[in-house]
Protein backbone atom coordinates (compact mmCIF):
# COMPACT_ATOMS: atom_id res chain seq x y z
CA MET A 1 20.43 -8.07 -0.83
CA ILE A 2 17.50 -9.32 -3.07
CA GLU A 3 15.13 -7.67 -0.75
CA ASP A 4 16.99 -4.24 -0.91
CA ILE A 5 17.01 -4.47 -4.82
CA GLN A 6 13.29 -5.12 -4.81
CA ALA A 7 12.72 -2.24 -2.57
CA ALA A 8 14.71 0.12 -4.75
CA ILE A 9 13.27 -0.68 -8.09
CA PRO A 10 9.72 0.91 -7.43
CA LEU A 11 11.41 4.01 -6.00
CA GLY A 12 13.44 4.29 -9.23
CA PHE A 13 10.51 3.93 -11.33
CA LEU A 14 8.54 6.58 -9.40
CA LEU A 15 11.67 8.93 -9.53
CA SER A 16 11.77 8.70 -13.31
CA PHE A 17 8.15 10.00 -13.41
CA MET A 18 8.57 12.84 -10.89
CA ILE A 19 7.44 15.94 -12.84
CA GLY A 20 9.99 18.56 -13.22
CA PRO A 21 12.05 20.40 -15.81
CA VAL A 22 14.31 17.40 -16.39
CA PHE A 23 11.35 15.24 -17.25
CA PHE A 24 10.11 17.49 -19.96
CA VAL A 25 13.55 18.46 -21.36
CA LEU A 26 14.42 14.78 -21.65
CA LEU A 27 11.15 14.08 -23.68
CA GLU A 28 11.84 17.10 -25.86
CA THR A 29 15.43 16.02 -26.50
CA SER A 30 14.25 12.57 -27.59
CA ALA A 31 11.52 13.84 -29.80
CA ILE A 32 13.50 16.49 -31.43
CA LYS A 33 17.17 15.36 -31.32
CA GLY A 34 16.85 11.58 -31.21
CA PHE A 35 17.63 8.58 -28.97
CA ARG A 36 21.35 9.09 -28.62
CA ALA A 37 21.13 12.73 -27.70
CA ALA A 38 18.53 11.98 -25.17
CA ILE A 39 20.57 9.17 -23.68
CA VAL A 40 23.58 11.50 -23.38
CA PHE A 41 21.45 14.23 -21.63
CA ASP A 42 19.97 11.55 -19.33
CA ILE A 43 23.51 10.33 -18.33
CA GLY A 44 24.40 13.94 -17.43
CA VAL A 45 21.32 14.10 -15.30
CA ILE A 46 22.28 10.59 -13.59
CA VAL A 47 25.87 11.84 -12.94
CA ALA A 48 24.42 14.80 -11.03
CA ASP A 49 22.17 12.45 -9.04
CA VAL A 50 25.23 10.06 -8.29
CA LEU A 51 27.23 13.23 -7.01
CA PHE A 52 24.31 14.28 -4.91
CA ILE A 53 23.93 10.77 -3.38
CA THR A 54 27.73 10.71 -2.68
CA ILE A 55 27.40 14.09 -0.91
CA ALA A 56 24.40 12.92 0.94
CA TYR A 57 26.10 9.74 2.01
CA PHE A 58 29.13 11.38 3.43
CA SER A 59 27.01 14.10 5.20
CA SER A 60 24.52 13.89 7.93
CA PHE A 61 21.13 15.13 9.14
CA GLN A 62 22.82 18.23 10.26
CA LEU A 63 23.53 19.08 6.58
CA LEU A 64 19.87 18.76 5.69
CA GLU A 65 18.95 20.99 8.34
CA ASN A 66 21.56 23.57 7.24
CA LEU A 67 20.20 23.42 3.84
CA SER A 68 16.63 23.90 4.99
CA ASN A 69 17.83 27.08 6.77
CA GLN A 70 19.55 28.43 3.57
CA PRO A 71 16.65 29.63 1.47
CA GLY A 72 19.03 31.66 -0.58
CA LEU A 73 20.13 28.35 -2.23
CA TYR A 74 16.64 27.74 -3.50
CA VAL A 75 16.43 31.24 -4.74
CA PHE A 76 19.70 30.94 -6.47
CA GLY A 77 18.80 27.79 -8.38
CA GLY A 78 15.31 29.26 -9.12
CA VAL A 79 16.80 32.42 -10.61
CA ILE A 80 19.05 30.38 -12.90
CA LEU A 81 16.11 28.17 -14.09
CA LEU A 82 13.92 31.26 -14.48
CA ILE A 83 16.63 33.19 -16.53
CA TYR A 84 17.28 30.07 -18.58
CA GLY A 85 13.59 29.63 -19.27
CA ILE A 86 13.04 33.15 -20.35
CA THR A 87 16.09 32.92 -22.57
CA VAL A 88 14.77 29.85 -24.33
CA PHE A 89 11.30 31.33 -24.60
CA PHE A 90 12.30 34.63 -26.35
CA LYS A 91 14.91 32.81 -28.50
CA GLN A 92 12.03 30.64 -29.85
CA GLY A 93 10.20 33.86 -30.39
CA VAL A 94 12.62 35.12 -33.04
CA LYS A 95 13.04 31.88 -35.03
CA GLN A 96 11.74 31.71 -38.55
CA SER A 97 9.04 29.06 -39.69
CA THR A 98 11.58 27.86 -42.43
CA GLU A 99 13.95 26.57 -39.72
CA VAL A 100 14.88 22.92 -40.32
CA PRO A 101 14.65 20.27 -37.54
CA ILE A 102 17.56 20.19 -35.27
CA LYS A 103 19.94 17.23 -35.76
CA SER A 104 22.52 16.38 -33.20
CA LYS A 105 26.25 16.19 -34.18
CA LYS A 106 29.02 14.38 -32.37
CA GLY A 107 30.22 17.84 -30.95
CA ASP A 108 26.68 18.43 -29.51
CA TYR A 109 26.90 15.47 -27.18
CA ILE A 110 29.28 17.07 -24.74
CA SER A 111 26.93 20.17 -24.55
CA LEU A 112 23.92 17.83 -24.01
CA PHE A 113 25.67 16.05 -21.26
CA PHE A 114 26.51 19.20 -19.31
CA LYS A 115 23.07 20.42 -20.12
CA GLY A 116 21.60 17.47 -18.31
CA PHE A 117 24.03 17.70 -15.46
CA LEU A 118 23.63 21.47 -14.81
CA LEU A 119 19.80 21.36 -15.22
CA ASN A 120 19.78 18.79 -12.38
CA PHE A 121 22.66 20.17 -10.41
CA ILE A 122 21.28 23.67 -10.03
CA ASN A 123 18.17 22.42 -8.31
CA ILE A 124 19.24 22.36 -4.64
CA GLY A 125 16.00 20.45 -4.03
CA VAL A 126 17.44 17.35 -5.64
CA LEU A 127 20.24 17.37 -3.13
CA VAL A 128 17.78 17.77 -0.34
CA PHE A 129 15.62 14.93 -1.72
CA TRP A 130 18.68 12.51 -1.77
CA LEU A 131 19.61 13.54 1.76
CA GLY A 132 16.12 12.77 2.90
CA VAL A 133 16.19 9.33 1.20
CA ILE A 134 19.50 8.48 2.91
CA ILE A 135 18.05 9.59 6.29
CA ILE A 136 14.94 7.45 5.79
CA VAL A 137 16.40 4.49 3.96
CA GLY A 138 19.80 4.27 5.85
CA PRO A 139 18.45 2.88 8.98
CA THR A 140 16.41 0.24 7.33
CA LEU A 141 19.63 -0.92 5.60
CA GLU A 142 21.39 -0.87 8.99
CA ASN A 143 23.63 1.85 7.56
CA GLU A 144 25.83 -0.95 6.03
CA PRO A 145 27.86 0.74 3.09
CA TYR A 146 27.52 -2.28 0.82
CA ARG A 147 23.72 -2.52 1.17
CA ILE A 148 23.48 1.27 0.73
CA ARG A 149 25.49 0.95 -2.51
CA VAL A 150 23.29 -1.89 -3.75
CA PHE A 151 20.10 -0.12 -3.02
CA PHE A 152 21.04 3.23 -4.64
CA SER A 153 22.63 1.50 -7.58
CA SER A 154 19.50 -0.55 -8.11
CA MET A 155 17.42 2.56 -7.90
CA ILE A 156 19.60 4.53 -10.23
CA LEU A 157 19.52 1.70 -12.72
CA ALA A 158 15.72 1.25 -12.61
CA TYR A 159 15.46 4.98 -13.02
CA PHE A 160 17.60 4.90 -16.11
CA VAL A 161 15.87 1.90 -17.74
CA THR A 162 12.60 3.59 -17.34
CA ASP A 163 13.99 6.82 -18.80
CA VAL A 164 15.09 4.56 -21.79
CA PHE A 165 11.52 3.42 -22.41
CA LYS A 166 10.40 7.07 -22.13
CA ILE A 167 12.98 8.13 -24.66
CA LEU A 168 11.93 5.46 -27.10
CA LEU A 169 8.22 6.46 -26.84
CA ALA A 170 9.02 10.16 -27.17
CA LYS A 171 11.21 9.38 -30.17
CA GLN A 172 8.08 7.98 -32.06
CA LEU A 173 6.79 11.58 -32.09
CA LYS A 174 9.72 12.59 -34.22
CA ARG A 175 7.95 11.53 -37.45
CA LYS A 176 5.04 13.74 -36.57
CA LEU A 177 7.08 16.91 -35.77
CA THR A 178 6.91 19.81 -38.10
CA ASN A 179 8.84 23.16 -37.63
CA THR A 180 5.83 24.63 -36.19
CA ARG A 181 5.36 21.83 -33.76
CA ILE A 182 9.09 21.97 -32.75
CA HIS A 183 8.74 25.65 -32.09
CA LEU A 184 5.69 25.09 -29.93
CA ILE A 185 7.32 22.38 -27.90
CA LYS A 186 10.21 24.52 -27.13
CA LYS A 187 7.88 27.32 -26.15
CA VAL A 188 6.09 24.97 -23.71
CA ILE A 189 9.44 23.65 -22.20
CA ALA A 190 10.52 27.13 -21.75
CA ILE A 191 7.28 27.98 -19.87
CA ILE A 192 7.79 24.82 -17.56
CA LEU A 193 11.30 26.06 -16.90
CA ILE A 194 9.96 29.43 -15.94
CA ILE A 195 7.34 27.94 -13.75
CA SER A 196 9.87 25.58 -12.11
CA GLY A 197 12.18 28.55 -11.46
CA VAL A 198 9.53 30.50 -9.80
CA VAL A 199 8.48 27.51 -7.55
CA LEU A 200 11.93 27.11 -6.33
CA ILE A 201 12.14 30.94 -5.60
CA VAL A 202 8.90 30.78 -3.67
CA LYS A 203 10.24 27.79 -1.70
CA GLY A 204 13.14 29.87 -0.70
CA PHE A 205 10.83 32.36 0.89
CA LEU A 206 8.35 29.85 2.52
CA PRO A 207 8.65 29.38 6.24
CA LYS A 208 10.47 26.11 7.12
CA ASP A 209 7.38 24.35 8.43
CA LYS A 210 5.72 24.85 5.18
CA PHE A 211 8.14 22.54 3.31
CA ASN A 212 9.10 19.48 5.20
CA LEU A 213 10.78 17.28 2.62
CA GLU A 214 11.79 14.59 5.00
CA ASN A 215 8.13 13.83 5.99
CA GLN A 216 7.12 13.82 2.28
CA ILE A 217 9.90 11.28 1.49
CA GLU A 218 8.76 9.20 4.51
CA ASN A 219 5.19 9.21 3.25
CA MET A 220 6.33 8.15 -0.24
CA ALA A 221 8.38 5.29 1.21
CA HIS A 222 5.19 3.97 3.02
């Protein structure tokens, strides 16, 4: 069991630094809205990951093949990200420079949780990623349910702890944030969301042999 935990922790650390829309929105949330808001957002992301891991565990390689043959799922998720990014971009364009910094209220935490959950959940690539991890890691754990639970629990915990440190570091930027800088950060985040949406859409139209996620995960594991 100790060996499984030791193998999972580096993967959880690397997962936390995988560049994507969630990575940047988490840092933005911490810098602008504070530690608690970012933690709630991150919990939403992790719940989506846990749901994906559960789906992956109770599915099989056939499901991975089926998802790979359904480019429409990538296009659908990409379009949602693209629309969301464009909305955020133009919403920032009409804001006034006199806007006061955003402060989270208790009622905002629910929306932040679902924002994190949905931002992760709409990316079908995340489900494919976890399916690939199950397929690669499962045999090394002898497909024992207990060892698999320990491995993924350790991986998610390492991911969360690393995110906490990222949140704390990003929070230090809050003192230096002016309304203009907040406006600029949100513009940049919107552009990243737009780019991520376009990338997903392009993946949906790529030939299957151009995007072999299983091989990529196997290379990362080695």
